[in-house]
């Protein structure tokens, strides 16, 4: 099952091959980030995602960020 971070990228219709250069990483590294975002995502990386996805992707990223503050 894809993470919310991966789903956000997918809503932009960008492949991992298209998105990895935006982060300055390889496709393998991007795959690692998306498979385990809780371990690898930083505020800077999330900002790059946020700046490169549409409204649906932004909604998913906000949901992901809010999950850290859920009781």
PDB file of N, CA and C in Angstrom:
ATOM      1  N   UNK A   1       0.850  -1.184   0.000  1.00  0.00           N
ATOM      2  CA  UNK A   1       0.000   0.000   0.000  1.00  0.00           C
ATOM      3  C   UNK A   1       0.890   1.241   0.000  1.00  0.00           C
ATOM      4  N   UNK A   2       0.568   2.190  -0.826  1.00  0.00           N
ATOM      5  CA  UNK A   2       1.362   3.403  -0.961  1.00  0.00           C
ATOM      6  C   UNK A   2       1.134   4.336   0.236  1.00  0.00           C
ATOM      7  N   UNK A   3       2.198   5.001   0.644  1.00  0.00           N
ATOM      8  CA  UNK A   3       2.099   5.979   1.725  1.00  0.00           C
ATOM      9  C   UNK A   3       1.381   7.225   1.223  1.00  0.00           C
ATOM     10  N   UNK A   4       0.926   8.063   2.151  1.00  0.00           N
ATOM     11  CA  UNK A   4       0.289   9.315   1.767  1.00  0.00           C
ATOM     12  C   UNK A   4       1.238  10.194   0.959  1.00  0.00           C
ATOM     13  N   UNK A   5       2.522  10.128   1.283  1.00  0.00           N
ATOM     14  CA  UNK A   5       3.522  10.907   0.554  1.00  0.00           C
ATOM     15  C   UNK A   5       3.605  10.424  -0.897  1.00  0.00           C
ATOM     16  N   UNK A   6       3.642   9.115  -1.094  1.00  0.00           N
ATOM     17  CA  UNK A   6       3.674   8.561  -2.454  1.00  0.00           C
ATOM     18  C   UNK A   6       2.387   8.889  -3.198  1.00  0.00           C
ATOM     19  N   UNK A   7       1.264   8.783  -2.516  1.00  0.00           N
ATOM     20  CA  UNK A   7      -0.018   9.104  -3.145  1.00  0.00           C
ATOM     21  C   UNK A   7      -0.067  10.566  -3.567  1.00  0.00           C
ATOM     22  N   UNK A   8       0.524  11.450  -2.767  1.00  0.00           N
ATOM     23  CA  UNK A   8       0.564  12.867  -3.120  1.00  0.00           C
ATOM     24  C   UNK A   8       1.317  13.062  -4.431  1.00  0.00           C
ATOM     25  N   UNK A   9       2.462  12.380  -4.564  1.00  0.00           N
ATOM     26  CA  UNK A   9       3.220  12.466  -5.814  1.00  0.00           C
ATOM     27  C   UNK A   9       2.407  11.932  -6.974  1.00  0.00           C
ATOM     28  N   UNK A  10       1.736  10.821  -6.767  1.00  0.00           N
ATOM     29  CA  UNK A  10       0.966  10.197  -7.834  1.00  0.00           C
ATOM     30  C   UNK A  10      -0.175  11.090  -8.306  1.00  0.00           C
ATOM     31  N   UNK A  11      -0.760  11.897  -7.413  1.00  0.00           N
ATOM     32  CA  UNK A  11      -1.844  12.783  -7.843  1.00  0.00           C
ATOM     33  C   UNK A  11      -1.340  13.839  -8.818  1.00  0.00           C
ATOM     34  N   UNK A  12      -0.045  14.110  -8.792  1.00  0.00           N
ATOM     35  CA  UNK A  12       0.523  15.092  -9.720  1.00  0.00           C
ATOM     36  C   UNK A  12       0.825  14.460 -11.079  1.00  0.00           C
ATOM     37  N   UNK A  13       0.578  13.157 -11.183  1.00  0.00           N
ATOM     38  CA  UNK A  13       0.848  12.391 -12.400  1.00  0.00           C
ATOM     39  C   UNK A  13       2.330  12.398 -12.765  1.00  0.00           C
ATOM     40  N   UNK A  14       3.176  12.536 -11.744  1.00  0.00           N
ATOM     41  CA  UNK A  14       4.623  12.478 -11.950  1.00  0.00           C
ATOM     42  C   UNK A  14       5.125  11.117 -11.488  1.00  0.00           C
ATOM     43  N   UNK A  15       5.949  10.530 -12.313  1.00  0.00           N
ATOM     44  CA  UNK A  15       6.565   9.252 -11.939  1.00  0.00           C
ATOM     45  C   UNK A  15       7.695   9.514 -10.951  1.00  0.00           C
ATOM     46  N   UNK A  16       8.196   8.441 -10.364  1.00  0.00           N
ATOM     47  CA  UNK A  16       9.358   8.588  -9.493  1.00  0.00           C
ATOM     48  C   UNK A  16      10.544   9.115 -10.298  1.00  0.00           C
ATOM     49  N   UNK A  17      10.644   8.716 -11.556  1.00  0.00           N
ATOM     50  CA  UNK A  17      11.725   9.202 -12.414  1.00  0.00           C
ATOM     51  C   UNK A  17      11.627  10.712 -12.640  1.00  0.00           C
ATOM     52  N   UNK A  18      10.404  11.232 -12.708  1.00  0.00           N
ATOM     53  CA  UNK A  18      10.202  12.674 -12.872  1.00  0.00           C
ATOM     54  C   UNK A  18      10.434  13.433 -11.566  1.00  0.00           C
ATOM     55  N   UNK A  19      10.077  12.813 -10.455  1.00  0.00           N
ATOM     56  CA  UNK A  19      10.086  13.508  -9.170  1.00  0.00           C
ATOM     57  C   UNK A  19      11.438  13.482  -8.479  1.00  0.00           C
ATOM     58  N   UNK A  20      12.188  12.419  -8.644  1.00  0.00           N
ATOM     59  CA  UNK A  20      13.483  12.278  -7.953  1.00  0.00           C
ATOM     60  C   UNK A  20      14.415  13.469  -8.197  1.00  0.00           C
ATOM     61  N   UNK A  21      14.542  13.963  -9.429  1.00  0.00           N
ATOM     62  CA  UNK A  21      15.440  15.114  -9.646  1.00  0.00           C
ATOM     63  C   UNK A  21      15.007  16.373  -8.886  1.00  0.00           C
ATOM     64  N   UNK A  22      13.720  16.514  -8.636  1.00  0.00           N
ATOM     65  CA  UNK A  22      13.247  17.674  -7.872  1.00  0.00           C
ATOM     66  C   UNK A  22      13.812  17.671  -6.455  1.00  0.00           C
ATOM     67  N   UNK A  23      14.022  16.466  -5.927  1.00  0.00           N
ATOM     68  CA  UNK A  23      14.596  16.305  -4.591  1.00  0.00           C
ATOM     69  C   UNK A  23      16.119  16.176  -4.640  1.00  0.00           C
ATOM     70  N   UNK A  24      16.659  16.036  -5.840  1.00  0.00           N
ATOM     71  CA  UNK A  24      18.101  15.863  -5.977  1.00  0.00           C
ATOM     72  C   UNK A  24      18.577  14.494  -5.526  1.00  0.00           C
ATOM     73  N   UNK A  25      17.723  13.474  -5.710  1.00  0.00           N
ATOM     74  CA  UNK A  25      18.057  12.116  -5.286  1.00  0.00           C
ATOM     75  C   UNK A  25      17.802  11.147  -6.430  1.00  0.00           C
ATOM     76  N   UNK A  26      18.255   9.918  -6.257  1.00  0.00           N
ATOM     77  CA  UNK A  26      17.994   8.872  -7.242  1.00  0.00           C
ATOM     78  C   UNK A  26      16.584   8.319  -7.046  1.00  0.00           C
ATOM     79  N   UNK A  27      16.121   7.584  -8.037  1.00  0.00           N
ATOM     80  CA  UNK A  27      14.815   6.935  -7.940  1.00  0.00           C
ATOM     81  C   UNK A  27      14.808   5.944  -6.784  1.00  0.00           C
ATOM     82  N   UNK A  28      15.903   5.236  -6.580  1.00  0.00           N
ATOM     83  CA  UNK A  28      15.994   4.267  -5.478  1.00  0.00           C
ATOM     84  C   UNK A  28      15.819   4.983  -4.135  1.00  0.00           C
ATOM     85  N   UNK A  29      16.466   6.128  -3.994  1.00  0.00           N
ATOM     86  CA  UNK A  29      16.349   6.886  -2.743  1.00  0.00           C
ATOM     87  C   UNK A  29      14.931   7.412  -2.564  1.00  0.00           C
ATOM     88  N   UNK A  30      14.337   7.920  -3.626  1.00  0.00           N
ATOM     89  CA  UNK A  30      12.958   8.406  -3.548  1.00  0.00           C
ATOM     90  C   UNK A  30      12.020   7.275  -3.135  1.00  0.00           C
ATOM     91  N   UNK A  31      12.232   6.103  -3.690  1.00  0.00           N
ATOM     92  CA  UNK A  31      11.424   4.936  -3.324  1.00  0.00           C
ATOM     93  C   UNK A  31      11.542   4.650  -1.832  1.00  0.00           C
ATOM     94  N   UNK A  32      12.747   4.735  -1.319  1.00  0.00           N
ATOM     95  CA  UNK A  32      12.986   4.515   0.114  1.00  0.00           C
ATOM     96  C   UNK A  32      12.234   5.567   0.935  1.00  0.00           C
ATOM     97  N   UNK A  33      12.308   6.819   0.517  1.00  0.00           N
ATOM     98  CA  UNK A  33      11.597   7.899   1.226  1.00  0.00           C
ATOM     99  C   UNK A  33      10.092   7.633   1.253  1.00  0.00           C
ATOM    100  N   UNK A  34       9.555   7.227   0.115  1.00  0.00           N
ATOM    101  CA  UNK A  34       8.106   7.044   0.020  1.00  0.00           C
ATOM    102  C   UNK A  34       7.624   5.789   0.738  1.00  0.00           C
ATOM    103  N   UNK A  35       8.454   4.773   0.816  1.00  0.00           N
ATOM    104  CA  UNK A  35       8.059   3.553   1.512  1.00  0.00           C
ATOM    105  C   UNK A  35       8.041   3.736   3.020  1.00  0.00           C
ATOM    106  N   UNK A  36       8.892   4.604   3.532  1.00  0.00           N
ATOM    107  CA  UNK A  36       8.970   4.809   4.971  1.00  0.00           C
ATOM    108  C   UNK A  36       9.144   6.306   5.262  1.00  0.00           C
ATOM    109  N   UNK A  37       8.124   7.108   4.952  1.00  0.00           N
ATOM    110  CA  UNK A  37       8.274   8.553   5.116  1.00  0.00           C
ATOM    111  C   UNK A  37       8.501   8.985   6.558  1.00  0.00           C
ATOM    112  N   UNK A  38       7.969   8.244   7.512  1.00  0.00           N
ATOM    113  CA  UNK A  38       8.174   8.622   8.915  1.00  0.00           C
ATOM    114  C   UNK A  38       9.650   8.624   9.281  1.00  0.00           C
ATOM    115  N   UNK A  39      10.424   7.809   8.628  1.00  0.00           N
ATOM    116  CA  UNK A  39      11.851   7.720   8.911  1.00  0.00           C
ATOM    117  C   UNK A  39      12.663   8.732   8.100  1.00  0.00           C
ATOM    118  N   UNK A  40      12.272   8.977   6.852  1.00  0.00           N
ATOM    119  CA  UNK A  40      13.126   9.716   5.926  1.00  0.00           C
ATOM    120  C   UNK A  40      12.673  11.130   5.583  1.00  0.00           C
ATOM    121  N   UNK A  41      11.406  11.450   5.788  1.00  0.00           N
ATOM    122  CA  UNK A  41      10.926  12.773   5.385  1.00  0.00           C
ATOM    123  C   UNK A  41      11.377  13.852   6.362  1.00  0.00           C
ATOM    124  N   UNK A  42      11.818  14.943   5.798  1.00  0.00           N
ATOM    125  CA  UNK A  42      12.185  16.125   6.574  1.00  0.00           C
ATOM    126  C   UNK A  42      11.253  17.251   6.141  1.00  0.00           C
ATOM    127  N   UNK A  43      11.186  18.310   6.921  1.00  0.00           N
ATOM    128  CA  UNK A  43      10.349  19.441   6.490  1.00  0.00           C
ATOM    129  C   UNK A  43      10.745  19.963   5.102  1.00  0.00           C
ATOM    130  N   UNK A  44      12.028  19.985   4.803  1.00  0.00           N
ATOM    131  CA  UNK A  44      12.474  20.462   3.495  1.00  0.00           C
ATOM    132  C   UNK A  44      11.989  19.556   2.371  1.00  0.00           C
ATOM    133  N   UNK A  45      12.056  18.263   2.584  1.00  0.00           N
ATOM    134  CA  UNK A  45      11.594  17.319   1.557  1.00  0.00           C
ATOM    135  C   UNK A  45      10.085  17.429   1.366  1.00  0.00           C
ATOM    136  N   UNK A  46       9.357  17.556   2.469  1.00  0.00           N
ATOM    137  CA  UNK A  46       7.908  17.701   2.356  1.00  0.00           C
ATOM    138  C   UNK A  46       7.543  18.989   1.631  1.00  0.00           C
ATOM    139  N   UNK A  47       8.325  20.037   1.835  1.00  0.00           N
ATOM    140  CA  UNK A  47       8.065  21.308   1.139  1.00  0.00           C
ATOM    141  C   UNK A  47       8.220  21.126  -0.366  1.00  0.00           C
ATOM    142  N   UNK A  48       9.220  20.374  -0.788  1.00  0.00           N
ATOM    143  CA  UNK A  48       9.408  20.121  -2.219  1.00  0.00           C
ATOM    144  C   UNK A  48       8.213  19.353  -2.775  1.00  0.00           C
ATOM    145  N   UNK A  49       7.771  18.334  -2.037  1.00  0.00           N
ATOM    146  CA  UNK A  49       6.569  17.607  -2.463  1.00  0.00           C
ATOM    147  C   UNK A  49       5.403  18.586  -2.571  1.00  0.00           C
ATOM    148  N   UNK A  50       5.185  19.349  -1.519  1.00  0.00           N
ATOM    149  CA  UNK A  50       4.044  20.263  -1.456  1.00  0.00           C
ATOM    150  C   UNK A  50       4.063  21.244  -2.622  1.00  0.00           C
ATOM    151  N   UNK A  51       5.228  21.739  -2.965  1.00  0.00           N
ATOM    152  CA  UNK A  51       5.355  22.727  -4.041  1.00  0.00           C
ATOM    153  C   UNK A  51       5.173  22.118  -5.432  1.00  0.00           C
ATOM    154  N   UNK A  52       5.192  20.793  -5.520  1.00  0.00           N
ATOM    155  CA  UNK A  52       5.157  20.141  -6.831  1.00  0.00           C
ATOM    156  C   UNK A  52       3.959  19.221  -7.044  1.00  0.00           C
ATOM    157  N   UNK A  53       2.961  19.337  -6.201  1.00  0.00           N
ATOM    158  CA  UNK A  53       1.742  18.546  -6.381  1.00  0.00           C
ATOM    159  C   UNK A  53       0.545  19.491  -6.436  1.00  0.00           C
ATOM    160  N   UNK A  54      -0.565  18.981  -6.917  1.00  0.00           N
ATOM    161  CA  UNK A  54      -1.791  19.760  -7.004  1.00  0.00           C
ATOM    162  C   UNK A  54      -2.546  19.788  -5.685  1.00  0.00           C
ATOM    163  N   UNK A  55      -3.760  20.257  -5.761  1.00  0.00           N
ATOM    164  CA  UNK A  55      -4.580  20.402  -4.558  1.00  0.00           C
ATOM    165  C   UNK A  55      -4.837  19.070  -3.853  1.00  0.00           C
ATOM    166  N   UNK A  56      -5.094  18.015  -4.620  1.00  0.00           N
ATOM    167  CA  UNK A  56      -5.312  16.703  -3.995  1.00  0.00           C
ATOM    168  C   UNK A  56      -4.060  16.231  -3.275  1.00  0.00           C
ATOM    169  N   UNK A  57      -2.909  16.434  -3.876  1.00  0.00           N
ATOM    170  CA  UNK A  57      -1.644  16.060  -3.240  1.00  0.00           C
ATOM    171  C   UNK A  57      -1.378  16.865  -1.989  1.00  0.00           C
ATOM    172  N   UNK A  58      -1.679  18.154  -2.037  1.00  0.00           N
ATOM    173  CA  UNK A  58      -1.506  19.019  -0.866  1.00  0.00           C
ATOM    174  C   UNK A  58      -2.395  18.544   0.281  1.00  0.00           C
ATOM    175  N   UNK A  59      -3.622  18.134  -0.048  1.00  0.00           N
ATOM    176  CA  UNK A  59      -4.534  17.623   0.976  1.00  0.00           C
ATOM    177  C   UNK A  59      -3.959  16.368   1.634  1.00  0.00           C
ATOM    178  N   UNK A  60      -3.388  15.471   0.841  1.00  0.00           N
ATOM    179  CA  UNK A  60      -2.794  14.249   1.380  1.00  0.00           C
ATOM    180  C   UNK A  60      -1.582  14.558   2.256  1.00  0.00           C
ATOM    181  N   UNK A  61      -0.757  15.524   1.830  1.00  0.00           N
ATOM    182  CA  UNK A  61       0.412  15.892   2.635  1.00  0.00           C
ATOM    183  C   UNK A  61       0.002  16.548   3.947  1.00  0.00           C
ATOM    184  N   UNK A  62      -1.055  17.346   3.922  1.00  0.00           N
ATOM    185  CA  UNK A  62      -1.559  17.941   5.166  1.00  0.00           C
ATOM    186  C   UNK A  62      -2.080  16.853   6.098  1.00  0.00           C
ATOM    187  N   UNK A  63      -2.742  15.856   5.522  1.00  0.00           N
ATOM    188  CA  UNK A  63      -3.233  14.720   6.317  1.00  0.00           C
ATOM    189  C   UNK A  63      -2.051  13.970   6.928  1.00  0.00           C
ATOM    190  N   UNK A  64      -1.002  13.762   6.148  1.00  0.00           N
ATOM    191  CA  UNK A  64       0.198  13.082   6.646  1.00  0.00           C
ATOM    192  C   UNK A  64       0.813  13.874   7.801  1.00  0.00           C
ATOM    193  N   UNK A  65       0.985  15.182   7.628  1.00  0.00           N
ATOM    194  CA  UNK A  65       1.588  16.008   8.674  1.00  0.00           C
ATOM    195  C   UNK A  65       0.713  16.030   9.918  1.00  0.00           C
ATOM    196  N   UNK A  66      -0.594  16.080   9.754  1.00  0.00           N
ATOM    197  CA  UNK A  66      -1.509  16.112  10.893  1.00  0.00           C
ATOM    198  C   UNK A  66      -1.457  14.812  11.693  1.00  0.00           C
ATOM    199  N   UNK A  67      -1.073  13.712  11.047  1.00  0.00           N
ATOM    200  CA  UNK A  67      -1.035  12.422  11.746  1.00  0.00           C
ATOM    201  C   UNK A  67      -0.001  12.430  12.882  1.00  0.00           C
ATOM    202  N   UNK A  68       0.966  13.317  12.829  1.00  0.00           N
ATOM    203  CA  UNK A  68       1.957  13.401  13.897  1.00  0.00           C
ATOM    204  C   UNK A  68       1.392  14.010  15.172  1.00  0.00           C
ATOM    205  N   UNK A  69       0.288  14.741  15.049  1.00  0.00           N
ATOM    206  CA  UNK A  69      -0.276  15.456  16.171  1.00  0.00           C
ATOM    207  C   UNK A  69      -1.575  14.857  16.665  1.00  0.00           C
ATOM    208  N   UNK A  70      -2.006  13.759  16.068  1.00  0.00           N
ATOM    209  CA  UNK A  70      -3.248  13.099  16.482  1.00  0.00           C
ATOM    210  C   UNK A  70      -3.035  12.466  17.861  1.00  0.00           C
ATOM    211  N   UNK A  71      -4.048  12.552  18.645  1.00  0.00           N
ATOM    212  CA  UNK A  71      -3.960  12.024  20.009  1.00  0.00           C
ATOM    213  C   UNK A  71      -4.129  10.536  20.055  1.00  0.00           C
TER     214      UNK A  71
END
